[in-house]
Amino acid sequence: MSKTVKKFLLLIICLLCAVPCLNSNEFRVSKNRVAGRSFNTIASNAGYRRIDGAKQTVYRKGKSSFVFNTPRREFYFNGIKFMPGYAPEKKLVRRRWYWRKENDIAISNSDWYSTFRILLNPASVPRHKVRTITLDAGHGGSDTGAIGKISREKNITLRITRRTAAILRACGYNVLLTRYRDNTVPLKSRAAIQRSHKSDLFVSIHVNATANRSIRGIETFALTPADAPSSHGKSELKRNPANVRDANNFLLAYSLQRALLSRTRAADRGVKRARFAVLKDISAPGALVEVGFISNPAEERLLNSSAYIEKVSRAIAEGILTYHRTVARSR
């Protein structure tokens, strides 16, 4: 065998065996295509140990963890539920740094950039000031919202909004409300109020309802990214004005959901995406919270309790404060 051939073979062996140093602070991903869509795969997730179970795939690093229940759409990060645009899939994928294939979780490119990257590094979201906050009490006046056995949504949302505003003002924020009493405010006017005052955050407060009276819990929505499917709907090609703040919208929704679950111990229905009218046209980061089900007898009683309204109001204020602290540290 000639010296040239020997050198060539030695070079090939070195390239196959070489393993680059990994950044311990984030997942290292490689791009693949699954079902015609571009995906990222959590491959050799630096610092995160993968545990494959019969029904779950867990990535763990210290107290931090991702839990996937493929083929189900939702996943959990540190115990909190999320509903991405596309269901994560377990696929046989090729690692970028050597030619071995193995099963890993494939995450759509849009979900990676709009969700996973922010969870892994919240300080990466754009920085901005938070001085003025617009709180939107859902429904009002002739629009009662959901109706329970003993109460109406419009009255519960107004009580929570007023109390949350008082807490935030005590913290030094300037707080505006889209309505201060039981009056009708059109959906488009709510976003217009935020824009006209140039407030720095927008949070819309609602109460849920469904025909199934056993369903309960809290869920928080951020605006669906452009070209992605909503949690309970189809993709939409139109890009809405508020999509320019997708990263901040998601971080705000996550901060609110985490605070609400921590204070109320309610059932976790997840951080979700939707194209709600009040979120499409705002000029600041925004989110919509559904603080419970008026159709569930137990939750309706809680939502009419002054003590529980205090818990929910303080949780919303805490979520906003957490968000503010995070973006203040952003690069």
C-alpha atoms as a PDB file:
ATOM      1  CA  MET A   1       0.000   0.000   0.000  1.00  0.00           C
ATOM      2  CA  SER A   2       1.466   3.348  -1.007  1.00  0.00           C
ATOM      3  CA  LYS A   3       2.214   6.122   1.498  1.00  0.00           C
ATOM      4  CA  THR A   4      -0.378   8.355  -0.221  1.00  0.00           C
ATOM      5  CA  VAL A   5      -3.147   5.772   0.283  1.00  0.00           C
ATOM      6  CA  LYS A   6      -2.106   5.257   3.924  1.00  0.00           C
ATOM      7  CA  LYS A   7      -2.235   9.011   4.586  1.00  0.00           C
ATOM      8  CA  PHE A   8      -5.664   9.233   2.917  1.00  0.00           C
ATOM      9  CA  LEU A   9      -7.066   6.368   5.021  1.00  0.00           C
ATOM     10  CA  LEU A  10      -5.614   7.889   8.203  1.00  0.00           C
ATOM     11  CA  LEU A  11      -7.294  11.206   7.368  1.00  0.00           C
ATOM     12  CA  ILE A  12     -10.677   9.491   6.838  1.00  0.00           C
ATOM     13  CA  ILE A  13     -10.395   7.670  10.185  1.00  0.00           C
ATOM     14  CA  CYS A  14      -9.574  10.922  11.980  1.00  0.00           C
ATOM     15  CA  LEU A  15     -12.573  12.679  10.438  1.00  0.00           C
ATOM     16  CA  LEU A  16     -14.940   9.853  11.390  1.00  0.00           C
ATOM     17  CA  CYS A  17     -13.699   9.698  14.965  1.00  0.00           C
ATOM     18  CA  ALA A  18     -13.495  13.425  15.610  1.00  0.00           C
ATOM     19  CA  VAL A  19     -16.128  14.721  18.066  1.00  0.00           C
ATOM     20  CA  PRO A  20     -16.356  18.479  18.463  1.00  0.00           C
ATOM     21  CA  CYS A  21     -16.654  20.200  21.821  1.00  0.00           C
ATOM     22  CA  LEU A  22     -20.306  20.903  22.669  1.00  0.00           C
ATOM     23  CA  ASN A  23     -21.789  23.994  24.260  1.00  0.00           C
ATOM     24  CA  SER A  24     -23.220  22.864  27.599  1.00  0.00           C
ATOM     25  CA  ASN A  25     -25.790  25.663  27.695  1.00  0.00           C
ATOM     26  CA  GLU A  26     -27.979  24.666  24.776  1.00  0.00           C
ATOM     27  CA  PHE A  27     -29.181  21.801  22.628  1.00  0.00           C
ATOM     28  CA  ARG A  28     -27.008  21.138  19.606  1.00  0.00           C
ATOM     29  CA  VAL A  29     -29.291  20.592  16.669  1.00  0.00           C
ATOM     30  CA  SER A  30     -28.982  19.352  13.126  1.00  0.00           C
ATOM     31  CA  LYS A  31     -31.378  20.057  10.285  1.00  0.00           C
ATOM     32  CA  ASN A  32     -33.389  17.353   8.542  1.00  0.00           C
ATOM     33  CA  ARG A  33     -36.514  17.152   6.460  1.00  0.00           C
ATOM     34  CA  VAL A  34     -39.568  15.200   7.600  1.00  0.00           C
ATOM     35  CA  ALA A  35     -42.794  15.057   5.580  1.00  0.00           C
ATOM     36  CA  GLY A  36     -41.575  17.912   3.400  1.00  0.00           C
ATOM     37  CA  ARG A  37     -40.930  20.269   6.340  1.00  0.00           C
ATOM     38  CA  SER A  38     -37.615  21.425   7.714  1.00  0.00           C
ATOM     39  CA  PHE A  39     -36.977  20.021  11.189  1.00  0.00           C
ATOM     40  CA  ASN A  40     -34.377  20.391  13.895  1.00  0.00           C
ATOM     41  CA  THR A  41     -33.404  17.319  15.866  1.00  0.00           C
ATOM     42  CA  ILE A  42     -32.306  17.244  19.467  1.00  0.00           C
ATOM     43  CA  ALA A  43     -29.183  15.256  18.669  1.00  0.00           C
ATOM     44  CA  SER A  44     -26.483  14.577  21.250  1.00  0.00           C
ATOM     45  CA  ASN A  45     -28.091  17.295  23.378  1.00  0.00           C
ATOM     46  CA  ALA A  46     -25.078  18.697  25.197  1.00  0.00           C
ATOM     47  CA  GLY A  47     -25.528  18.460  28.921  1.00  0.00           C
ATOM     48  CA  TYR A  48     -29.031  16.947  28.532  1.00  0.00           C
ATOM     49  CA  ARG A  49     -29.321  13.220  29.067  1.00  0.00           C
ATOM     50  CA  ARG A  50     -31.895  11.396  26.960  1.00  0.00           C
ATOM     51  CA  ILE A  51     -34.033   8.744  28.648  1.00  0.00           C
ATOM     52  CA  ASP A  52     -36.124   6.652  26.256  1.00  0.00           C
ATOM     53  CA  GLY A  53     -39.252   5.074  27.704  1.00  0.00           C
ATOM     54  CA  ALA A  54     -42.071   3.043  26.203  1.00  0.00           C
ATOM     55  CA  LYS A  55     -44.313   6.115  25.907  1.00  0.00           C
ATOM     56  CA  GLN A  56     -42.060   9.055  26.771  1.00  0.00           C
ATOM     57  CA  THR A  57     -38.748  10.531  25.715  1.00  0.00           C
ATOM     58  CA  VAL A  58     -37.178  12.698  28.418  1.00  0.00           C
ATOM     59  CA  TYR A  59     -34.252  15.086  28.112  1.00  0.00           C
ATOM     60  CA  ARG A  60     -32.889  15.986  31.533  1.00  0.00           C
ATOM     61  CA  LYS A  61     -30.194  18.330  32.794  1.00  0.00           C
ATOM     62  CA  GLY A  62     -30.108  18.964  36.526  1.00  0.00           C
ATOM     63  CA  LYS A  63     -33.579  20.200  37.506  1.00  0.00           C
ATOM     64  CA  SER A  64     -34.461  21.112  33.917  1.00  0.00           C
ATOM     65  CA  SER A  65     -36.323  18.677  31.676  1.00  0.00           C
ATOM     66  CA  PHE A  66     -38.231  18.282  28.417  1.00  0.00           C
ATOM     67  CA  VAL A  67     -40.810  15.489  28.199  1.00  0.00           C
ATOM     68  CA  PHE A  68     -42.219  14.314  24.848  1.00  0.00           C
ATOM     69  CA  ASN A  69     -45.145  11.901  24.490  1.00  0.00           C
ATOM     70  CA  THR A  70     -44.897  11.095  20.803  1.00  0.00           C
ATOM     71  CA  PRO A  71     -46.979  10.982  18.687  1.00  0.00           C
ATOM     72  CA  ARG A  72     -48.998  13.411  20.827  1.00  0.00           C
ATOM     73  CA  ARG A  73     -48.587  17.068  19.966  1.00  0.00           C
ATOM     74  CA  GLU A  74     -47.944  18.551  23.399  1.00  0.00           C
ATOM     75  CA  PHE A  75     -44.682  18.494  25.330  1.00  0.00           C
ATOM     76  CA  TYR A  76     -43.687  19.558  28.843  1.00  0.00           C
ATOM     77  CA  PHE A  77     -40.848  21.821  29.925  1.00  0.00           C
ATOM     78  CA  ASN A  78     -40.112  21.801  33.650  1.00  0.00           C
ATOM     79  CA  GLY A  79     -43.607  20.460  34.277  1.00  0.00           C
ATOM     80  CA  ILE A  80     -45.483  23.068  32.235  1.00  0.00           C
ATOM     81  CA  LYS A  81     -47.456  22.028  29.181  1.00  0.00           C
ATOM     82  CA  PHE A  82     -46.898  23.516  25.713  1.00  0.00           C
ATOM     83  CA  MET A  83     -48.744  23.038  22.452  1.00  0.00           C
ATOM     84  CA  PRO A  84     -46.367  23.572  19.495  1.00  0.00           C
ATOM     85  CA  GLY A  85     -47.462  24.171  15.919  1.00  0.00           C
ATOM     86  CA  TYR A  86     -46.484  20.676  14.795  1.00  0.00           C
ATOM     87  CA  ALA A  87     -46.302  17.457  16.767  1.00  0.00           C
ATOM     88  CA  PRO A  88     -42.712  16.486  17.641  1.00  0.00           C
ATOM     89  CA  GLU A  89     -41.863  13.178  15.957  1.00  0.00           C
ATOM     90  CA  LYS A  90     -39.486  10.384  16.812  1.00  0.00           C
ATOM     91  CA  LYS A  91     -37.495   9.801  13.648  1.00  0.00           C
ATOM     92  CA  LEU A  92     -34.442   7.884  12.523  1.00  0.00           C
ATOM     93  CA  VAL A  93     -32.115  10.798  11.831  1.00  0.00           C
ATOM     94  CA  ARG A  94     -28.508  11.288  10.798  1.00  0.00           C
ATOM     95  CA  ARG A  95     -26.292  13.209  13.167  1.00  0.00           C
ATOM     96  CA  ARG A  96     -24.424  16.108  11.672  1.00  0.00           C
ATOM     97  CA  TRP A  97     -20.988  15.332  13.055  1.00  0.00           C
ATOM     98  CA  TYR A  98     -20.709  11.669  12.173  1.00  0.00           C
ATOM     99  CA  TRP A  99     -22.543   9.248   9.942  1.00  0.00           C
ATOM    100  CA  ARG A 100     -24.526   7.221  12.450  1.00  0.00           C
ATOM    101  CA  LYS A 101     -28.307   7.154  12.454  1.00  0.00           C
ATOM    102  CA  GLU A 102     -30.462   6.865  15.573  1.00  0.00           C
ATOM    103  CA  ASN A 103     -33.927   7.705  16.872  1.00  0.00           C
ATOM    104  CA  ASP A 104     -34.316  11.272  18.088  1.00  0.00           C
ATOM    105  CA  ILE A 105     -37.080  13.842  18.513  1.00  0.00           C
ATOM    106  CA  ALA A 106     -37.653  15.918  15.373  1.00  0.00           C
ATOM    107  CA  ILE A 107     -38.953  19.438  16.013  1.00  0.00           C
ATOM    108  CA  SER A 108     -40.269  21.660  13.233  1.00  0.00           C
ATOM    109  CA  ASN A 109     -38.019  24.554  12.319  1.00  0.00           C
ATOM    110  CA  SER A 110     -40.750  27.095  13.116  1.00  0.00           C
ATOM    111  CA  ASP A 111     -41.327  25.578  16.572  1.00  0.00           C
ATOM    112  CA  TRP A 112     -37.603  25.508  17.270  1.00  0.00           C
ATOM    113  CA  TYR A 113     -37.208  29.244  16.690  1.00  0.00           C
ATOM    114  CA  SER A 114     -40.556  30.380  18.132  1.00  0.00           C
ATOM    115  CA  THR A 115     -40.641  28.124  21.201  1.00  0.00           C
ATOM    116  CA  PHE A 116     -37.711  25.861  22.092  1.00  0.00           C
ATOM    117  CA  ARG A 117     -34.929  28.398  21.617  1.00  0.00           C
ATOM    118  CA  ILE A 118     -36.759  30.858  23.914  1.00  0.00           C
ATOM    119  CA  LEU A 119     -37.317  28.240  26.637  1.00  0.00           C
ATOM    120  CA  LEU A 120     -33.626  27.337  26.548  1.00  0.00           C
ATOM    121  CA  ASN A 121     -32.434  30.936  26.532  1.00  0.00           C
ATOM    122  CA  PRO A 122     -35.119  33.454  27.651  1.00  0.00           C
ATOM    123  CA  ALA A 123     -32.552  36.257  27.709  1.00  0.00           C
ATOM    124  CA  SER A 124     -32.255  35.973  23.916  1.00  0.00           C
ATOM    125  CA  VAL A 125     -35.587  37.758  23.316  1.00  0.00           C
ATOM    126  CA  PRO A 126     -35.465  41.425  22.236  1.00  0.00           C
ATOM    127  CA  ARG A 127     -35.047  43.910  25.043  1.00  0.00           C
ATOM    128  CA  HIS A 128     -37.566  46.711  25.629  1.00  0.00           C
ATOM    129  CA  LYS A 129     -38.837  48.999  28.370  1.00  0.00           C
ATOM    130  CA  VAL A 130     -41.946  48.148  30.398  1.00  0.00           C
ATOM    131  CA  ARG A 131     -43.502  51.214  31.973  1.00  0.00           C
ATOM    132  CA  THR A 132     -47.072  51.343  30.707  1.00  0.00           C
ATOM    133  CA  ILE A 133     -49.304  48.253  30.639  1.00  0.00           C
ATOM    134  CA  THR A 134     -52.727  47.835  29.054  1.00  0.00           C
ATOM    135  CA  LEU A 135     -55.033  45.324  30.765  1.00  0.00           C
ATOM    136  CA  ASP A 136     -58.046  44.138  28.813  1.00  0.00           C
ATOM    137  CA  ALA A 137     -61.070  42.883  30.770  1.00  0.00           C
ATOM    138  CA  GLY A 138     -62.744  40.465  28.357  1.00  0.00           C
ATOM    139  CA  HIS A 139     -66.286  41.172  27.103  1.00  0.00           C
ATOM    140  CA  GLY A 140     -68.532  43.724  28.869  1.00  0.00           C
ATOM    141  CA  GLY A 141     -71.860  45.507  28.446  1.00  0.00           C
ATOM    142  CA  SER A 142     -74.130  43.727  25.978  1.00  0.00           C
ATOM    143  CA  ASP A 143     -71.399  41.129  25.419  1.00  0.00           C
ATOM    144  CA  THR A 144     -71.715  38.989  28.558  1.00  0.00           C
ATOM    145  CA  GLY A 145     -69.124  36.422  27.548  1.00  0.00           C
ATOM    146  CA  ALA A 146     -69.582  32.934  28.977  1.00  0.00           C
ATOM    147  CA  ILE A 147     -72.483  32.443  31.392  1.00  0.00           C
ATOM    148  CA  GLY A 148     -72.282  30.111  34.385  1.00  0.00           C
ATOM    149  CA  LYS A 149     -74.819  29.009  36.971  1.00  0.00           C
ATOM    150  CA  ILE A 150     -74.167  31.929  39.320  1.00  0.00           C
ATOM    151  CA  SER A 151     -72.108  34.446  37.336  1.00  0.00           C
ATOM    152  CA  ARG A 152     -71.092  35.978  34.023  1.00  0.00           C
ATOM    153  CA  GLU A 153     -67.645  36.164  32.494  1.00  0.00           C
ATOM    154  CA  LYS A 154     -67.723  39.922  31.945  1.00  0.00           C
ATOM    155  CA  ASN A 155     -68.065  40.592  35.689  1.00  0.00           C
ATOM    156  CA  ILE A 156     -65.321  38.177  36.743  1.00  0.00           C
ATOM    157  CA  THR A 157     -62.821  39.558  34.222  1.00  0.00           C
ATOM    158  CA  LEU A 158     -63.507  43.129  35.339  1.00  0.00           C
ATOM    159  CA  ARG A 159     -62.902  42.248  39.006  1.00  0.00           C
ATOM    160  CA  ILE A 160     -59.615  40.506  38.198  1.00  0.00           C
ATOM    161  CA  THR A 161     -58.477  43.291  35.872  1.00  0.00           C
ATOM    162  CA  ARG A 162     -59.168  46.038  38.414  1.00  0.00           C
ATOM    163  CA  ARG A 163     -57.322  44.188  41.179  1.00  0.00           C
ATOM    164  CA  THR A 164     -54.365  43.346  38.916  1.00  0.00           C
ATOM    165  CA  ALA A 165     -54.148  47.007  37.890  1.00  0.00           C
ATOM    166  CA  ALA A 166     -54.029  48.094  41.552  1.00  0.00           C
ATOM    167  CA  ILE A 167     -51.194  45.647  42.289  1.00  0.00           C
ATOM    168  CA  LEU A 168     -49.172  46.772  39.269  1.00  0.00           C
ATOM    169  CA  ARG A 169     -49.681  50.455  40.091  1.00  0.00           C
ATOM    170  CA  ALA A 170     -48.374  49.773  43.593  1.00  0.00           C
ATOM    171  CA  CYS A 171     -45.251  48.361  41.886  1.00  0.00           C
ATOM    172  CA  GLY A 172     -44.751  51.640  40.016  1.00  0.00           C
ATOM    173  CA  TYR A 173     -46.280  50.848  36.622  1.00  0.00           C
ATOM    174  CA  ASN A 174     -48.654  53.069  34.675  1.00  0.00           C
ATOM    175  CA  VAL A 175     -51.701  50.870  33.978  1.00  0.00           C
ATOM    176  CA  LEU A 176     -54.517  51.463  31.494  1.00  0.00           C
ATOM    177  CA  LEU A 177     -57.726  49.448  31.171  1.00  0.00           C
ATOM    178  CA  THR A 178     -59.696  48.897  27.970  1.00  0.00           C
ATOM    179  CA  ARG A 179     -62.815  49.230  30.113  1.00  0.00           C
ATOM    180  CA  TYR A 180     -63.301  50.493  33.681  1.00  0.00           C
ATOM    181  CA  ARG A 181     -66.951  49.519  34.045  1.00  0.00           C
ATOM    182  CA  ASP A 182     -69.579  47.234  32.531  1.00  0.00           C
ATOM    183  CA  ASN A 183     -69.649  48.723  29.042  1.00  0.00           C
ATOM    184  CA  THR A 184     -69.364  47.339  25.531  1.00  0.00           C
ATOM    185  CA  VAL A 185     -65.945  47.712  23.860  1.00  0.00           C
ATOM    186  CA  PRO A 186     -65.561  46.323  20.303  1.00  0.00           C
ATOM    187  CA  LEU A 187     -62.658  43.920  19.757  1.00  0.00           C
ATOM    188  CA  LYS A 188     -60.858  46.231  17.323  1.00  0.00           C
ATOM    189  CA  SER A 189     -61.130  49.107  19.782  1.00  0.00           C
ATOM    190  CA  ARG A 190     -59.236  47.148  22.435  1.00  0.00           C
ATOM    191  CA  ALA A 191     -56.101  46.889  20.315  1.00  0.00           C
ATOM    192  CA  ALA A 192     -56.610  50.508  19.223  1.00  0.00           C
ATOM    193  CA  ILE A 193     -56.587  51.628  22.873  1.00  0.00           C
ATOM    194  CA  GLN A 194     -53.221  49.943  23.371  1.00  0.00           C
ATOM    195  CA  ARG A 195     -51.779  51.498  20.224  1.00  0.00           C
ATOM    196  CA  SER A 196     -53.087  54.997  20.959  1.00  0.00           C
ATOM    197  CA  HIS A 197     -51.439  55.017  24.395  1.00  0.00           C
ATOM    198  CA  LYS A 198     -48.304  53.277  23.088  1.00  0.00           C
ATOM    199  CA  SER A 199     -48.259  50.947  26.068  1.00  0.00           C
ATOM    200  CA  ASP A 200     -45.394  48.491  26.455  1.00  0.00           C
ATOM    201  CA  LEU A 201     -47.430  45.346  27.237  1.00  0.00           C
ATOM    202  CA  PHE A 202     -50.945  44.063  26.609  1.00  0.00           C
ATOM    203  CA  VAL A 203     -52.673  41.339  28.638  1.00  0.00           C
ATOM    204  CA  SER A 204     -56.248  40.257  27.901  1.00  0.00           C
ATOM    205  CA  ILE A 205     -58.095  38.468  30.732  1.00  0.00           C
ATOM    206  CA  HIS A 206     -60.847  35.933  30.042  1.00  0.00           C
ATOM    207  CA  VAL A 207     -62.790  33.048  31.568  1.00  0.00           C
ATOM    208  CA  ASN A 208     -63.305  29.791  29.671  1.00  0.00           C
ATOM    209  CA  ALA A 209     -66.392  27.650  29.104  1.00  0.00           C
ATOM    210  CA  THR A 210     -67.265  24.361  27.457  1.00  0.00           C
ATOM    211  CA  ALA A 211     -70.191  21.945  27.226  1.00  0.00           C
ATOM    212  CA  ASN A 212     -68.222  19.368  29.230  1.00  0.00           C
ATOM    213  CA  ARG A 213     -68.657  20.591  32.808  1.00  0.00           C
ATOM    214  CA  SER A 214     -65.821  18.411  34.118  1.00  0.00           C
ATOM    215  CA  ILE A 215     -63.132  20.302  32.180  1.00  0.00           C
ATOM    216  CA  ARG A 216     -61.156  22.779  34.259  1.00  0.00           C
ATOM    217  CA  GLY A 217     -57.827  24.593  34.384  1.00  0.00           C
ATOM    218  CA  ILE A 218     -55.855  27.578  33.133  1.00  0.00           C
ATOM    219  CA  GLU A 219     -54.385  28.210  29.694  1.00  0.00           C
ATOM    220  CA  THR A 220     -52.499  31.148  28.217  1.00  0.00           C
ATOM    221  CA  PHE A 221     -52.290  32.136  24.557  1.00  0.00           C
ATOM    222  CA  ALA A 222     -49.702  33.957  22.471  1.00  0.00           C
ATOM    223  CA  LEU A 223     -50.326  35.017  18.879  1.00  0.00           C
ATOM    224  CA  THR A 224     -49.627  32.219  16.394  1.00  0.00           C
ATOM    225  CA  PRO A 225     -46.452  32.842  14.345  1.00  0.00           C
ATOM    226  CA  ALA A 226     -46.937  33.588  10.647  1.00  0.00           C
ATOM    227  CA  ASP A 227     -47.426  30.509   8.422  1.00  0.00           C
ATOM    228  CA  ALA A 228     -47.772  28.201  11.463  1.00  0.00           C
ATOM    229  CA  PRO A 229     -50.910  26.384  12.648  1.00  0.00           C
ATOM    230  CA  SER A 230     -52.694  27.557  15.775  1.00  0.00           C
ATOM    231  CA  SER A 231     -53.118  25.135  18.650  1.00  0.00           C
ATOM    232  CA  HIS A 232     -56.709  24.435  17.611  1.00  0.00           C
ATOM    233  CA  GLY A 233     -56.772  25.583  14.009  1.00  0.00           C
ATOM    234  CA  LYS A 234     -55.179  25.650  10.577  1.00  0.00           C
ATOM    235  CA  SER A 235     -52.167  27.487   9.217  1.00  0.00           C
ATOM    236  CA  GLU A 236     -52.692  31.013   7.934  1.00  0.00           C
ATOM    237  CA  LEU A 237     -50.389  32.586   5.362  1.00  0.00           C
ATOM    238  CA  LYS A 238     -51.211  36.147   6.403  1.00  0.00           C
ATOM    239  CA  ARG A 239     -48.676  37.815   8.670  1.00  0.00           C
ATOM    240  CA  ASN A 240     -50.306  39.972  11.365  1.00  0.00           C
ATOM    241  CA  PRO A 241     -48.707  43.201  12.653  1.00  0.00           C
ATOM    242  CA  ALA A 242     -48.055  41.713  16.105  1.00  0.00           C
ATOM    243  CA  ASN A 243     -46.042  38.828  14.597  1.00  0.00           C
ATOM    244  CA  VAL A 244     -42.956  41.052  14.649  1.00  0.00           C
ATOM    245  CA  ARG A 245     -42.860  40.392  18.413  1.00  0.00           C
ATOM    246  CA  ASP A 246     -43.377  36.618  18.329  1.00  0.00           C
ATOM    247  CA  ALA A 247     -40.500  35.865  20.710  1.00  0.00           C
ATOM    248  CA  ASN A 248     -41.683  38.415  23.283  1.00  0.00           C
ATOM    249  CA  ASN A 249     -45.311  37.325  22.920  1.00  0.00           C
ATOM    250  CA  PHE A 250     -44.347  33.746  23.719  1.00  0.00           C
ATOM    251  CA  LEU A 251     -42.114  34.655  26.670  1.00  0.00           C
ATOM    252  CA  LEU A 252     -44.911  36.780  28.162  1.00  0.00           C
ATOM    253  CA  ALA A 253     -47.442  33.945  27.786  1.00  0.00           C
ATOM    254  CA  TYR A 254     -45.020  31.473  29.386  1.00  0.00           C
ATOM    255  CA  SER A 255     -44.287  33.841  32.293  1.00  0.00           C
ATOM    256  CA  LEU A 256     -48.014  34.334  32.949  1.00  0.00           C
ATOM    257  CA  GLN A 257     -48.887  30.626  32.771  1.00  0.00           C
ATOM    258  CA  ARG A 258     -46.059  29.642  35.096  1.00  0.00           C
ATOM    259  CA  ALA A 259     -47.064  32.265  37.683  1.00  0.00           C
ATOM    260  CA  LEU A 260     -50.769  31.385  37.480  1.00  0.00           C
ATOM    261  CA  LEU A 261     -50.121  27.673  38.009  1.00  0.00           C
ATOM    262  CA  SER A 262     -47.719  28.336  40.870  1.00  0.00           C
ATOM    263  CA  ARG A 263     -50.155  30.518  42.823  1.00  0.00           C
ATOM    264  CA  THR A 264     -53.468  28.787  42.098  1.00  0.00           C
ATOM    265  CA  ARG A 265     -52.388  25.118  41.744  1.00  0.00           C
ATOM    266  CA  ALA A 266     -55.005  24.867  39.001  1.00  0.00           C
ATOM    267  CA  ALA A 267     -54.925  22.234  36.259  1.00  0.00           C
ATOM    268  CA  ASP A 268     -52.428  23.094  33.528  1.00  0.00           C
ATOM    269  CA  ARG A 269     -54.049  23.364  30.091  1.00  0.00           C
ATOM    270  CA  GLY A 270     -50.884  24.735  28.567  1.00  0.00           C
ATOM    271  CA  VAL A 271     -49.226  27.609  26.780  1.00  0.00           C
ATOM    272  CA  LYS A 272     -50.931  27.735  23.384  1.00  0.00           C
ATOM    273  CA  ARG A 273     -51.123  29.709  20.149  1.00  0.00           C
ATOM    274  CA  ALA A 274     -54.143  31.426  18.605  1.00  0.00           C
ATOM    275  CA  ARG A 275     -54.966  34.276  16.234  1.00  0.00           C
ATOM    276  CA  PHE A 276     -57.337  36.094  18.561  1.00  0.00           C
ATOM    277  CA  ALA A 277     -58.532  39.451  17.254  1.00  0.00           C
ATOM    278  CA  VAL A 278     -57.261  41.343  20.324  1.00  0.00           C
ATOM    279  CA  LEU A 279     -53.729  39.992  19.778  1.00  0.00           C
ATOM    280  CA  LYS A 280     -53.344  40.520  16.018  1.00  0.00           C
ATOM    281  CA  ASP A 281     -53.003  44.299  15.784  1.00  0.00           C
ATOM    282  CA  ILE A 282     -51.342  45.406  19.028  1.00  0.00           C
ATOM    283  CA  SER A 283     -48.022  47.252  18.830  1.00  0.00           C
ATOM    284  CA  ALA A 284     -46.506  45.697  21.969  1.00  0.00           C
ATOM    285  CA  PRO A 285     -45.918  42.172  23.271  1.00  0.00           C
ATOM    286  CA  GLY A 286     -49.228  40.626  24.295  1.00  0.00           C
ATOM    287  CA  ALA A 287     -50.922  37.513  25.659  1.00  0.00           C
ATOM    288  CA  LEU A 288     -54.408  36.301  26.539  1.00  0.00           C
ATOM    289  CA  VAL A 289     -55.115  34.334  29.724  1.00  0.00           C
ATOM    290  CA  GLU A 290     -58.086  32.046  30.347  1.00  0.00           C
ATOM    291  CA  VAL A 291     -58.109  31.897  34.151  1.00  0.00           C
ATOM    292  CA  GLY A 292     -60.570  29.023  34.607  1.00  0.00           C
ATOM    293  CA  PHE A 293     -63.836  27.456  33.444  1.00  0.00           C
ATOM    294  CA  ILE A 294     -67.076  29.118  34.428  1.00  0.00           C
ATOM    295  CA  SER A 295     -68.783  25.966  33.133  1.00  0.00           C
ATOM    296  CA  ASN A 296     -67.075  23.881  35.836  1.00  0.00           C
ATOM    297  CA  PRO A 297     -69.091  24.244  39.095  1.00  0.00           C
ATOM    298  CA  ALA A 298     -66.037  24.103  41.379  1.00  0.00           C
ATOM    299  CA  GLU A 299     -64.036  26.609  39.351  1.00  0.00           C
ATOM    300  CA  GLU A 300     -66.999  28.938  38.995  1.00  0.00           C
ATOM    301  CA  ARG A 301     -67.278  29.067  42.797  1.00  0.00           C
ATOM    302  CA  LEU A 302     -63.567  29.831  43.040  1.00  0.00           C
ATOM    303  CA  LEU A 303     -63.793  32.556  40.391  1.00  0.00           C
ATOM    304  CA  ASN A 304     -66.478  34.252  42.473  1.00  0.00           C
ATOM    305  CA  SER A 305     -64.356  34.065  45.627  1.00  0.00           C
ATOM    306  CA  SER A 306     -62.500  37.221  46.676  1.00  0.00           C
ATOM    307  CA  ALA A 307     -59.595  35.119  47.954  1.00  0.00           C
ATOM    308  CA  TYR A 308     -59.179  33.309  44.636  1.00  0.00           C
ATOM    309  CA  ILE A 309     -59.512  36.509  42.611  1.00  0.00           C
ATOM    310  CA  GLU A 310     -56.689  37.888  44.746  1.00  0.00           C
ATOM    311  CA  LYS A 311     -54.564  34.835  43.914  1.00  0.00           C
ATOM    312  CA  VAL A 312     -55.231  35.138  40.193  1.00  0.00           C
ATOM    313  CA  SER A 313     -54.615  38.895  40.163  1.00  0.00           C
ATOM    314  CA  ARG A 314     -51.329  38.571  42.028  1.00  0.00           C
ATOM    315  CA  ALA A 315     -50.278  35.760  39.695  1.00  0.00           C
ATOM    316  CA  ILE A 316     -50.897  37.885  36.584  1.00  0.00           C
ATOM    317  CA  ALA A 317     -48.939  40.753  38.139  1.00  0.00           C
ATOM    318  CA  GLU A 318     -46.140  38.340  39.096  1.00  0.00           C
ATOM    319  CA  GLY A 319     -45.988  36.976  35.545  1.00  0.00           C
ATOM    320  CA  ILE A 320     -45.642  40.499  34.172  1.00  0.00           C
ATOM    321  CA  LEU A 321     -42.899  41.318  36.698  1.00  0.00           C
ATOM    322  CA  THR A 322     -41.022  38.120  35.791  1.00  0.00           C
ATOM    323  CA  TYR A 323     -41.270  38.970  32.098  1.00  0.00           C
ATOM    324  CA  HIS A 324     -40.027  42.511  32.770  1.00  0.00           C
ATOM    325  CA  ARG A 325     -37.024  41.243  34.742  1.00  0.00           C
ATOM    326  CA  THR A 326     -36.143  38.825  31.936  1.00  0.00           C
ATOM    327  CA  VAL A 327     -36.256  41.357  29.086  1.00  0.00           C
ATOM    328  CA  ALA A 328     -34.339  43.855  31.232  1.00  0.00           C
ATOM    329  CA  ARG A 329     -31.460  41.336  31.232  1.00  0.00           C
ATOM    330  CA  SER A 330     -31.788  40.521  27.526  1.00  0.00           C
ATOM    331  CA  ARG A 331     -28.919  41.202  25.191  1.00  0.00           C
END
